[in-house]
Structure formats: structure tokens, C-alpha cells
Amino acid sequence: MIQAESDAQKRDEYIQRLMQLPNQKWMEIIGQAHQNVEFLKDQDVIRTVLNILQ
């Protein structure tokens, strides 16, 4: 759907919107990991990171 958009500016906007939630979640995870690295061992966190990286 994004690829079908002929206007490059709109494509960029769509991609930014699409990536907003994963980027926000990533920043939350990194923030928690800075406070306590053990946070990264949580199974839910691992699943979330894997989903973001896919």
C-alpha cells in the first residue's frame, strides 16, 4: 500500500506513522534496560524486541 503511493513525501509520512509505535516501544525498553539490565531477560520483553526487529 505504501509502495503504491506515487508521492515520495506522502510515502515518507506513511512510513513514519507506521514505525511510530515500534520506535516508541523500543525507546521504552531501552530506557528500562538502562535502569536495570535484568529487564531484558523478561520473556514478554524478548518477544516484543523480536517483533520490533522483524
C-alpha atoms as a PDB file:
ATOM      1  CA  MET A   1       0.000   0.000   0.000  1.00  0.00           C
ATOM      2  CA  ILE A   2       2.782   2.438   0.897  1.00  0.00           C
ATOM      3  CA  GLN A   3       4.745   1.381  -2.151  1.00  0.00           C
ATOM      4  CA  ALA A   4       1.758   2.214  -4.372  1.00  0.00           C
ATOM      5  CA  GLU A   5       1.857   5.875  -3.301  1.00  0.00           C
ATOM      6  CA  SER A   6       3.473   7.935  -6.059  1.00  0.00           C
ATOM      7  CA  ASP A   7       4.184  10.983  -3.870  1.00  0.00           C
ATOM      8  CA  ALA A   8       7.528  10.402  -2.118  1.00  0.00           C
ATOM      9  CA  GLN A   9       6.680  12.857   0.669  1.00  0.00           C
ATOM     10  CA  LYS A  10       3.460  11.016   1.476  1.00  0.00           C
ATOM     11  CA  ARG A  11       5.312   7.672   1.391  1.00  0.00           C
ATOM     12  CA  ASP A  12       7.785   9.007   3.950  1.00  0.00           C
ATOM     13  CA  GLU A  13       4.925  10.238   6.120  1.00  0.00           C
ATOM     14  CA  TYR A  14       3.195   6.849   5.953  1.00  0.00           C
ATOM     15  CA  ILE A  15       6.394   5.049   6.910  1.00  0.00           C
ATOM     16  CA  GLN A  16       6.948   7.413   9.833  1.00  0.00           C
ATOM     17  CA  ARG A  17       3.419   6.770  11.077  1.00  0.00           C
ATOM     18  CA  LEU A  18       3.849   3.027  10.635  1.00  0.00           C
ATOM     19  CA  MET A  19       7.090   2.976  12.616  1.00  0.00           C
ATOM     20  CA  GLN A  20       5.988   5.367  15.367  1.00  0.00           C
ATOM     21  CA  LEU A  21       4.632   2.725  17.765  1.00  0.00           C
ATOM     22  CA  PRO A  22       7.536   0.243  17.382  1.00  0.00           C
ATOM     23  CA  ASN A  23      10.043   3.078  17.822  1.00  0.00           C
ATOM     24  CA  GLN A  24       8.247   4.301  20.939  1.00  0.00           C
ATOM     25  CA  LYS A  25       8.178   0.793  22.412  1.00  0.00           C
ATOM     26  CA  TRP A  26      11.884   0.357  21.592  1.00  0.00           C
ATOM     27  CA  MET A  27      12.736   3.580  23.431  1.00  0.00           C
ATOM     28  CA  GLU A  28      10.729   2.420  26.459  1.00  0.00           C
ATOM     29  CA  ILE A  29      12.593  -0.904  26.511  1.00  0.00           C
ATOM     30  CA  ILE A  30      15.990   0.778  26.197  1.00  0.00           C
ATOM     31  CA  GLY A  31      15.063   3.205  28.977  1.00  0.00           C
ATOM     32  CA  GLN A  32      14.096   0.364  31.289  1.00  0.00           C
ATOM     33  CA  ALA A  33      17.267  -1.549  30.374  1.00  0.00           C
ATOM     34  CA  HIS A  34      19.397   1.468  31.320  1.00  0.00           C
ATOM     35  CA  GLN A  35      17.864   1.319  34.790  1.00  0.00           C
ATOM     36  CA  ASN A  36      18.071  -2.454  35.135  1.00  0.00           C
ATOM     37  CA  VAL A  37      19.623  -4.732  32.524  1.00  0.00           C
ATOM     38  CA  GLU A  38      17.771  -7.721  34.024  1.00  0.00           C
ATOM     39  CA  PHE A  39      14.645  -6.234  32.436  1.00  0.00           C
ATOM     40  CA  LEU A  40      15.857  -7.620  29.092  1.00  0.00           C
ATOM     41  CA  LYS A  41      15.542 -11.192  30.380  1.00  0.00           C
ATOM     42  CA  ASP A  42      11.764 -10.948  30.718  1.00  0.00           C
ATOM     43  CA  GLN A  43      10.021 -13.189  28.151  1.00  0.00           C
ATOM     44  CA  ASP A  44       7.484 -10.520  27.187  1.00  0.00           C
ATOM     45  CA  VAL A  45      10.274  -8.037  26.579  1.00  0.00           C
ATOM     46  CA  ILE A  46      12.169 -10.583  24.485  1.00  0.00           C
ATOM     47  CA  ARG A  47       9.060 -11.228  22.379  1.00  0.00           C
ATOM     48  CA  THR A  48       8.491  -7.515  21.908  1.00  0.00           C
ATOM     49  CA  VAL A  49      12.094  -6.939  20.824  1.00  0.00           C
ATOM     50  CA  LEU A  50      11.889  -9.832  18.365  1.00  0.00           C
ATOM     51  CA  ASN A  51       8.675  -8.422  16.900  1.00  0.00           C
ATOM     52  CA  ILE A  52      10.240  -4.990  16.526  1.00  0.00           C
ATOM     53  CA  LEU A  53      13.310  -6.418  14.810  1.00  0.00           C
ATOM     54  CA  GLN A  54      11.226  -8.374  12.331  1.00  0.00           C
END
